[in-house]
Amino acid sequence: MSDQIVKRILCIEDEPEMIDLIRLILSRRGFEVDGAAGGTEGLQKIRELLPDLVLLDLMMPDMDGWEVYQQMKADNKTRDIPVIVVTAKAQSIDKVLGLHIAKVDDYISKPFSPQDLLESVDRILFPSRAVS
C-alpha cells in the first residue's frame, strides 16, 4: 500500500471522542483523517479538502447529516465523493432510507467495531480489493 497515494477521509461528527476514535482506527491503516465538529463545518471542509471519503453522522445539533448529504450531492465539485453514514440511529427504516433513497455508499451503526469501520472504508475506497 506504500506506493499508493494516501487516502483522505473527513469525519463529520459532533462528538470529539468519536472523531478521535475513528482517527485512531483509520490512521493505523495509513489513512489521513480530518475531523469536523458538526454539519456546517463539515460542509465547509468537504468543499475545501475534497476528501476521498466522508464519514457522516446524522444526528448533529447545527445541521443534520441528511442536510449535509443533500448539499454535497447538489454540488458538482462534491457530488461524487462517497459517503458512509455513521450513526446511532440504527432503526432499519433509517438504513433503508439511507441506502436506497438517499443512495449513501454504506451505513455503520454506533457502536461499531474497528473491524466494521475498516471493512466498510476498504469496500468503498478499494472496491477491487474487497473480499466478498
N, C-alpha and C. Protein backbone atom coordinates (compact mmCIF):
# COMPACT_ATOMS: atom_id res chain seq x y z
N MET A 1 0.82 -1.20 0.00
CA MET A 1 0.00 0.00 0.00
C MET A 1 0.86 1.26 0.00
N SER A 2 2.15 1.12 0.26
CA SER A 2 3.00 2.30 0.41
C SER A 2 3.20 3.06 -0.90
N ASP A 3 2.98 2.40 -2.05
CA ASP A 3 3.18 3.10 -3.32
C ASP A 3 1.94 3.87 -3.75
N GLN A 4 0.86 3.75 -2.99
CA GLN A 4 -0.36 4.44 -3.35
C GLN A 4 -0.45 5.79 -2.64
N ILE A 5 -1.25 6.65 -3.25
CA ILE A 5 -1.48 7.96 -2.64
C ILE A 5 -2.31 7.75 -1.38
N VAL A 6 -1.99 8.48 -0.33
CA VAL A 6 -2.72 8.37 0.93
C VAL A 6 -4.15 8.87 0.71
N LYS A 7 -5.09 8.09 1.17
CA LYS A 7 -6.50 8.47 1.03
C LYS A 7 -6.89 9.37 2.20
N ARG A 8 -7.61 10.44 1.87
CA ARG A 8 -8.02 11.40 2.89
C ARG A 8 -9.50 11.20 3.22
N ILE A 9 -9.77 11.05 4.50
CA ILE A 9 -11.13 10.81 4.96
C ILE A 9 -11.55 11.95 5.88
N LEU A 10 -12.74 12.48 5.66
CA LEU A 10 -13.27 13.52 6.53
C LEU A 10 -14.38 12.92 7.39
N CYS A 11 -14.23 13.07 8.68
CA CYS A 11 -15.21 12.55 9.63
C CYS A 11 -16.02 13.73 10.18
N ILE A 12 -17.31 13.76 9.85
CA ILE A 12 -18.18 14.85 10.31
C ILE A 12 -19.03 14.31 11.45
N GLU A 13 -18.77 14.82 12.64
CA GLU A 13 -19.30 14.20 13.85
C GLU A 13 -19.27 15.24 14.97
N ASP A 14 -20.37 15.36 15.73
CA ASP A 14 -20.39 16.37 16.78
C ASP A 14 -19.75 15.92 18.10
N GLU A 15 -19.32 14.66 18.19
CA GLU A 15 -18.64 14.20 19.41
C GLU A 15 -17.14 14.05 19.14
N PRO A 16 -16.32 14.92 19.75
CA PRO A 16 -14.87 14.87 19.51
C PRO A 16 -14.26 13.51 19.82
N GLU A 17 -14.79 12.81 20.84
CA GLU A 17 -14.22 11.50 21.19
C GLU A 17 -14.41 10.52 20.04
N MET A 18 -15.54 10.63 19.34
CA MET A 18 -15.82 9.72 18.22
C MET A 18 -14.86 10.01 17.07
N ILE A 19 -14.59 11.29 16.82
CA ILE A 19 -13.62 11.65 15.77
C ILE A 19 -12.25 11.08 16.13
N ASP A 20 -11.86 11.22 17.40
CA ASP A 20 -10.56 10.69 17.84
C ASP A 20 -10.48 9.18 17.66
N LEU A 21 -11.57 8.50 18.01
CA LEU A 21 -11.60 7.05 17.88
C LEU A 21 -11.46 6.63 16.41
N ILE A 22 -12.23 7.26 15.56
CA ILE A 22 -12.19 6.94 14.12
C ILE A 22 -10.80 7.26 13.55
N ARG A 23 -10.24 8.39 13.97
CA ARG A 23 -8.90 8.77 13.51
C ARG A 23 -7.87 7.71 13.93
N LEU A 24 -7.99 7.26 15.18
CA LEU A 24 -7.08 6.25 15.70
C LEU A 24 -7.16 4.95 14.88
N ILE A 25 -8.37 4.49 14.64
CA ILE A 25 -8.58 3.24 13.90
C ILE A 25 -8.04 3.36 12.47
N LEU A 26 -8.40 4.46 11.80
CA LEU A 26 -8.07 4.57 10.37
C LEU A 26 -6.63 5.01 10.11
N SER A 27 -6.05 5.80 11.02
CA SER A 27 -4.67 6.25 10.77
C SER A 27 -3.68 5.09 10.90
N ARG A 28 -4.04 4.11 11.73
CA ARG A 28 -3.19 2.92 11.83
C ARG A 28 -3.12 2.17 10.51
N ARG A 29 -4.16 2.33 9.72
CA ARG A 29 -4.24 1.67 8.43
C ARG A 29 -3.66 2.58 7.32
N GLY A 30 -3.14 3.74 7.73
CA GLY A 30 -2.48 4.61 6.75
C GLY A 30 -3.35 5.67 6.12
N PHE A 31 -4.57 5.86 6.64
CA PHE A 31 -5.43 6.91 6.09
C PHE A 31 -5.15 8.22 6.80
N GLU A 32 -5.38 9.31 6.11
CA GLU A 32 -5.29 10.63 6.74
C GLU A 32 -6.71 11.03 7.09
N VAL A 33 -6.94 11.30 8.38
CA VAL A 33 -8.31 11.58 8.83
C VAL A 33 -8.42 13.00 9.35
N ASP A 34 -9.34 13.76 8.76
CA ASP A 34 -9.66 15.10 9.23
C ASP A 34 -11.00 15.03 9.94
N GLY A 35 -11.19 15.89 10.91
CA GLY A 35 -12.47 15.91 11.63
C GLY A 35 -13.16 17.24 11.46
N ALA A 36 -14.48 17.22 11.52
CA ALA A 36 -15.27 18.45 11.51
C ALA A 36 -16.34 18.28 12.57
N ALA A 37 -16.45 19.28 13.45
CA ALA A 37 -17.38 19.19 14.57
C ALA A 37 -18.76 19.70 14.20
N GLY A 38 -19.47 18.95 13.39
CA GLY A 38 -20.82 19.35 13.03
C GLY A 38 -20.99 19.59 11.54
N GLY A 39 -22.26 19.68 11.13
CA GLY A 39 -22.60 19.75 9.72
C GLY A 39 -22.12 20.99 8.98
N THR A 40 -22.23 22.14 9.61
CA THR A 40 -21.84 23.38 8.94
C THR A 40 -20.34 23.38 8.65
N GLU A 41 -19.55 23.06 9.67
CA GLU A 41 -18.10 22.98 9.49
C GLU A 41 -17.75 21.85 8.52
N GLY A 42 -18.49 20.76 8.60
CA GLY A 42 -18.25 19.62 7.73
C GLY A 42 -18.40 19.97 6.27
N LEU A 43 -19.47 20.67 5.95
CA LEU A 43 -19.74 21.06 4.57
C LEU A 43 -18.63 21.97 4.04
N GLN A 44 -18.21 22.89 4.89
CA GLN A 44 -17.12 23.80 4.55
C GLN A 44 -15.85 23.01 4.24
N LYS A 45 -15.53 22.03 5.11
CA LYS A 45 -14.31 21.23 4.92
C LYS A 45 -14.40 20.32 3.70
N ILE A 46 -15.59 19.81 3.41
CA ILE A 46 -15.75 18.97 2.21
C ILE A 46 -15.35 19.80 0.98
N ARG A 47 -15.84 21.03 0.92
CA ARG A 47 -15.57 21.89 -0.25
C ARG A 47 -14.10 22.30 -0.31
N GLU A 48 -13.50 22.46 0.87
CA GLU A 48 -12.10 22.88 0.98
C GLU A 48 -11.14 21.74 0.64
N LEU A 49 -11.36 20.57 1.27
CA LEU A 49 -10.41 19.46 1.20
C LEU A 49 -10.68 18.49 0.05
N LEU A 50 -11.93 18.43 -0.41
CA LEU A 50 -12.36 17.42 -1.38
C LEU A 50 -11.79 16.04 -1.01
N PRO A 51 -12.24 15.51 0.14
CA PRO A 51 -11.70 14.24 0.64
C PRO A 51 -12.08 13.07 -0.28
N ASP A 52 -11.41 11.93 -0.10
CA ASP A 52 -11.72 10.73 -0.88
C ASP A 52 -12.98 10.05 -0.36
N LEU A 53 -13.30 10.33 0.91
CA LEU A 53 -14.45 9.68 1.54
C LEU A 53 -14.92 10.55 2.70
N VAL A 54 -16.24 10.57 2.92
CA VAL A 54 -16.80 11.29 4.06
C VAL A 54 -17.51 10.29 4.98
N LEU A 55 -17.17 10.34 6.27
CA LEU A 55 -17.90 9.58 7.29
C LEU A 55 -18.83 10.59 7.94
N LEU A 56 -20.11 10.34 7.86
CA LEU A 56 -21.09 11.36 8.22
C LEU A 56 -22.04 10.90 9.31
N ASP A 57 -22.06 11.63 10.42
CA ASP A 57 -23.02 11.38 11.48
C ASP A 57 -24.34 12.03 11.07
N LEU A 58 -25.47 11.43 11.44
CA LEU A 58 -26.76 12.03 11.08
C LEU A 58 -27.27 13.00 12.12
N MET A 59 -27.07 12.67 13.41
CA MET A 59 -27.64 13.46 14.49
C MET A 59 -26.66 14.52 14.97
N MET A 60 -26.76 15.71 14.41
CA MET A 60 -25.88 16.79 14.85
C MET A 60 -26.73 18.02 15.12
N PRO A 61 -26.32 18.82 16.11
CA PRO A 61 -27.18 19.95 16.52
C PRO A 61 -27.30 21.06 15.48
N ASP A 62 -26.24 21.41 14.78
CA ASP A 62 -26.32 22.59 13.91
C ASP A 62 -26.95 22.31 12.55
N MET A 63 -26.58 21.19 11.93
CA MET A 63 -27.14 20.84 10.63
C MET A 63 -27.07 19.33 10.56
N ASP A 64 -28.20 18.66 10.34
CA ASP A 64 -28.14 17.21 10.41
C ASP A 64 -27.46 16.61 9.18
N GLY A 65 -27.10 15.34 9.32
CA GLY A 65 -26.32 14.67 8.28
C GLY A 65 -27.01 14.61 6.93
N TRP A 66 -28.35 14.45 6.93
CA TRP A 66 -29.04 14.39 5.65
C TRP A 66 -28.93 15.71 4.91
N GLU A 67 -28.98 16.81 5.66
CA GLU A 67 -28.85 18.14 5.06
C GLU A 67 -27.46 18.29 4.43
N VAL A 68 -26.42 17.86 5.17
CA VAL A 68 -25.05 17.90 4.65
C VAL A 68 -24.97 17.07 3.37
N TYR A 69 -25.55 15.87 3.43
CA TYR A 69 -25.51 14.95 2.30
C TYR A 69 -26.19 15.56 1.07
N GLN A 70 -27.37 16.15 1.26
CA GLN A 70 -28.10 16.74 0.14
C GLN A 70 -27.33 17.90 -0.48
N GLN A 71 -26.71 18.72 0.37
CA GLN A 71 -25.93 19.85 -0.16
C GLN A 71 -24.69 19.36 -0.90
N MET A 72 -24.07 18.29 -0.38
CA MET A 72 -22.91 17.70 -1.07
C MET A 72 -23.30 17.21 -2.45
N LYS A 73 -24.42 16.48 -2.51
CA LYS A 73 -24.85 15.87 -3.77
C LYS A 73 -25.36 16.91 -4.76
N ALA A 74 -25.73 18.09 -4.27
CA ALA A 74 -26.23 19.14 -5.15
C ALA A 74 -25.09 19.95 -5.77
N ASP A 75 -23.87 19.72 -5.29
CA ASP A 75 -22.71 20.49 -5.73
C ASP A 75 -21.86 19.62 -6.67
N ASN A 76 -21.64 20.11 -7.89
CA ASN A 76 -20.87 19.33 -8.88
C ASN A 76 -19.48 18.94 -8.40
N LYS A 77 -18.86 19.81 -7.58
CA LYS A 77 -17.49 19.52 -7.12
C LYS A 77 -17.45 18.40 -6.10
N THR A 78 -18.54 18.22 -5.34
CA THR A 78 -18.51 17.25 -4.24
C THR A 78 -19.46 16.07 -4.41
N ARG A 79 -20.27 16.07 -5.47
CA ARG A 79 -21.32 15.05 -5.59
C ARG A 79 -20.80 13.63 -5.75
N ASP A 80 -19.57 13.45 -6.26
CA ASP A 80 -19.06 12.10 -6.47
C ASP A 80 -18.24 11.55 -5.30
N ILE A 81 -18.12 12.33 -4.23
CA ILE A 81 -17.38 11.84 -3.05
C ILE A 81 -18.26 10.82 -2.33
N PRO A 82 -17.73 9.60 -2.10
CA PRO A 82 -18.55 8.61 -1.41
C PRO A 82 -18.80 8.98 0.05
N VAL A 83 -19.95 8.53 0.57
CA VAL A 83 -20.36 8.86 1.93
C VAL A 83 -20.73 7.57 2.68
N ILE A 84 -20.15 7.41 3.86
CA ILE A 84 -20.58 6.34 4.76
C ILE A 84 -21.25 7.03 5.94
N VAL A 85 -22.50 6.70 6.16
CA VAL A 85 -23.23 7.25 7.29
C VAL A 85 -22.86 6.45 8.54
N VAL A 86 -22.44 7.16 9.59
CA VAL A 86 -22.09 6.52 10.86
C VAL A 86 -23.03 7.12 11.89
N THR A 87 -23.94 6.32 12.42
CA THR A 87 -24.94 6.93 13.28
C THR A 87 -25.47 5.98 14.34
N ALA A 88 -25.97 6.56 15.41
CA ALA A 88 -26.61 5.77 16.46
C ALA A 88 -28.06 5.49 16.11
N LYS A 89 -28.55 6.15 15.06
CA LYS A 89 -29.94 5.92 14.63
C LYS A 89 -29.98 4.60 13.87
N ALA A 90 -30.08 3.50 14.60
CA ALA A 90 -29.92 2.20 13.97
C ALA A 90 -31.22 1.56 13.49
N GLN A 91 -32.32 2.25 13.60
CA GLN A 91 -33.58 1.65 13.17
C GLN A 91 -33.49 1.28 11.69
N SER A 92 -34.11 0.17 11.37
CA SER A 92 -34.00 -0.34 10.00
C SER A 92 -34.55 0.65 8.97
N ILE A 93 -35.56 1.43 9.33
CA ILE A 93 -36.12 2.38 8.37
C ILE A 93 -35.08 3.40 7.94
N ASP A 94 -34.23 3.83 8.89
CA ASP A 94 -33.18 4.78 8.54
C ASP A 94 -32.18 4.15 7.59
N LYS A 95 -31.87 2.89 7.82
CA LYS A 95 -30.91 2.20 6.96
C LYS A 95 -31.48 2.09 5.55
N VAL A 96 -32.75 1.74 5.46
CA VAL A 96 -33.39 1.63 4.15
C VAL A 96 -33.39 2.99 3.46
N LEU A 97 -33.76 4.02 4.21
CA LEU A 97 -33.75 5.37 3.64
C LEU A 97 -32.36 5.74 3.16
N GLY A 98 -31.38 5.47 4.03
CA GLY A 98 -30.01 5.86 3.70
C GLY A 98 -29.48 5.16 2.48
N LEU A 99 -29.64 3.84 2.43
CA LEU A 99 -29.03 3.09 1.34
C LEU A 99 -29.80 3.19 0.04
N HIS A 100 -31.13 3.21 0.11
CA HIS A 100 -31.90 3.12 -1.12
C HIS A 100 -32.44 4.45 -1.62
N ILE A 101 -32.91 5.27 -0.72
CA ILE A 101 -33.50 6.52 -1.17
C ILE A 101 -32.42 7.58 -1.35
N ALA A 102 -31.60 7.78 -0.34
CA ALA A 102 -30.57 8.80 -0.45
C ALA A 102 -29.33 8.29 -1.18
N LYS A 103 -29.20 6.97 -1.33
CA LYS A 103 -28.06 6.39 -2.05
C LYS A 103 -26.71 6.66 -1.39
N VAL A 104 -26.65 6.60 -0.06
CA VAL A 104 -25.34 6.70 0.58
C VAL A 104 -24.58 5.42 0.23
N ASP A 105 -23.26 5.45 0.33
CA ASP A 105 -22.46 4.30 -0.10
C ASP A 105 -22.46 3.16 0.91
N ASP A 106 -22.55 3.51 2.18
CA ASP A 106 -22.64 2.47 3.19
C ASP A 106 -23.19 3.09 4.46
N TYR A 107 -23.44 2.26 5.45
CA TYR A 107 -24.13 2.69 6.65
C TYR A 107 -23.56 1.89 7.81
N ILE A 108 -23.03 2.54 8.83
CA ILE A 108 -22.50 1.86 10.00
C ILE A 108 -23.25 2.36 11.22
N SER A 109 -23.71 1.43 12.05
CA SER A 109 -24.42 1.83 13.27
C SER A 109 -23.46 1.90 14.44
N LYS A 110 -23.65 2.93 15.28
CA LYS A 110 -22.88 3.02 16.52
C LYS A 110 -23.60 2.21 17.58
N PRO A 111 -22.92 1.54 18.48
CA PRO A 111 -21.46 1.39 18.49
C PRO A 111 -21.02 0.39 17.43
N PHE A 112 -19.84 0.62 16.86
CA PHE A 112 -19.33 -0.28 15.82
C PHE A 112 -17.97 -0.79 16.25
N SER A 113 -17.54 -1.88 15.65
CA SER A 113 -16.20 -2.40 15.97
C SER A 113 -15.21 -1.79 14.99
N PRO A 114 -13.93 -1.69 15.36
CA PRO A 114 -12.92 -1.18 14.43
C PRO A 114 -12.97 -1.96 13.11
N GLN A 115 -13.21 -3.26 13.21
CA GLN A 115 -13.27 -4.12 12.03
C GLN A 115 -14.40 -3.70 11.09
N ASP A 116 -15.58 -3.38 11.65
CA ASP A 116 -16.71 -2.94 10.83
C ASP A 116 -16.34 -1.68 10.05
N LEU A 117 -15.71 -0.75 10.76
CA LEU A 117 -15.34 0.51 10.14
C LEU A 117 -14.32 0.29 9.02
N LEU A 118 -13.27 -0.48 9.31
CA LEU A 118 -12.23 -0.73 8.31
C LEU A 118 -12.78 -1.46 7.09
N GLU A 119 -13.64 -2.44 7.32
CA GLU A 119 -14.20 -3.18 6.19
C GLU A 119 -15.04 -2.28 5.30
N SER A 120 -15.83 -1.43 5.93
CA SER A 120 -16.68 -0.53 5.16
C SER A 120 -15.84 0.46 4.35
N VAL A 121 -14.83 1.06 4.99
CA VAL A 121 -13.95 2.02 4.32
C VAL A 121 -13.21 1.34 3.16
N ASP A 122 -12.67 0.14 3.42
CA ASP A 122 -11.96 -0.59 2.36
C ASP A 122 -12.88 -0.90 1.19
N ARG A 123 -14.11 -1.31 1.51
CA ARG A 123 -15.06 -1.67 0.46
C ARG A 123 -15.35 -0.49 -0.46
N ILE A 124 -15.45 0.70 0.13
CA ILE A 124 -15.77 1.89 -0.66
C ILE A 124 -14.55 2.41 -1.42
N LEU A 125 -13.40 2.49 -0.73
CA LEU A 125 -12.21 3.10 -1.36
C LEU A 125 -11.44 2.14 -2.26
N PHE A 126 -11.52 0.87 -1.99
CA PHE A 126 -10.76 -0.11 -2.79
C PHE A 126 -11.67 -1.25 -3.22
N PRO A 127 -12.66 -0.96 -4.07
CA PRO A 127 -13.64 -1.99 -4.42
C PRO A 127 -13.02 -3.24 -5.03
N SER A 128 -11.91 -3.07 -5.74
CA SER A 128 -11.30 -4.22 -6.38
C SER A 128 -10.65 -5.16 -5.36
N ARG A 129 -10.31 -4.60 -4.19
CA ARG A 129 -9.62 -5.36 -3.16
C ARG A 129 -10.58 -6.05 -2.20
N ALA A 130 -11.81 -5.61 -2.23
CA ALA A 130 -12.79 -6.09 -1.24
C ALA A 130 -13.01 -7.60 -1.37
N VAL A 131 -13.13 -8.23 -0.24
CA VAL A 131 -13.37 -9.67 -0.22
C VAL A 131 -14.88 -9.87 -0.10
N SER A 132 -15.41 -10.77 -0.89
CA SER A 132 -16.86 -10.94 -0.84
C SER A 132 -17.27 -11.88 0.27
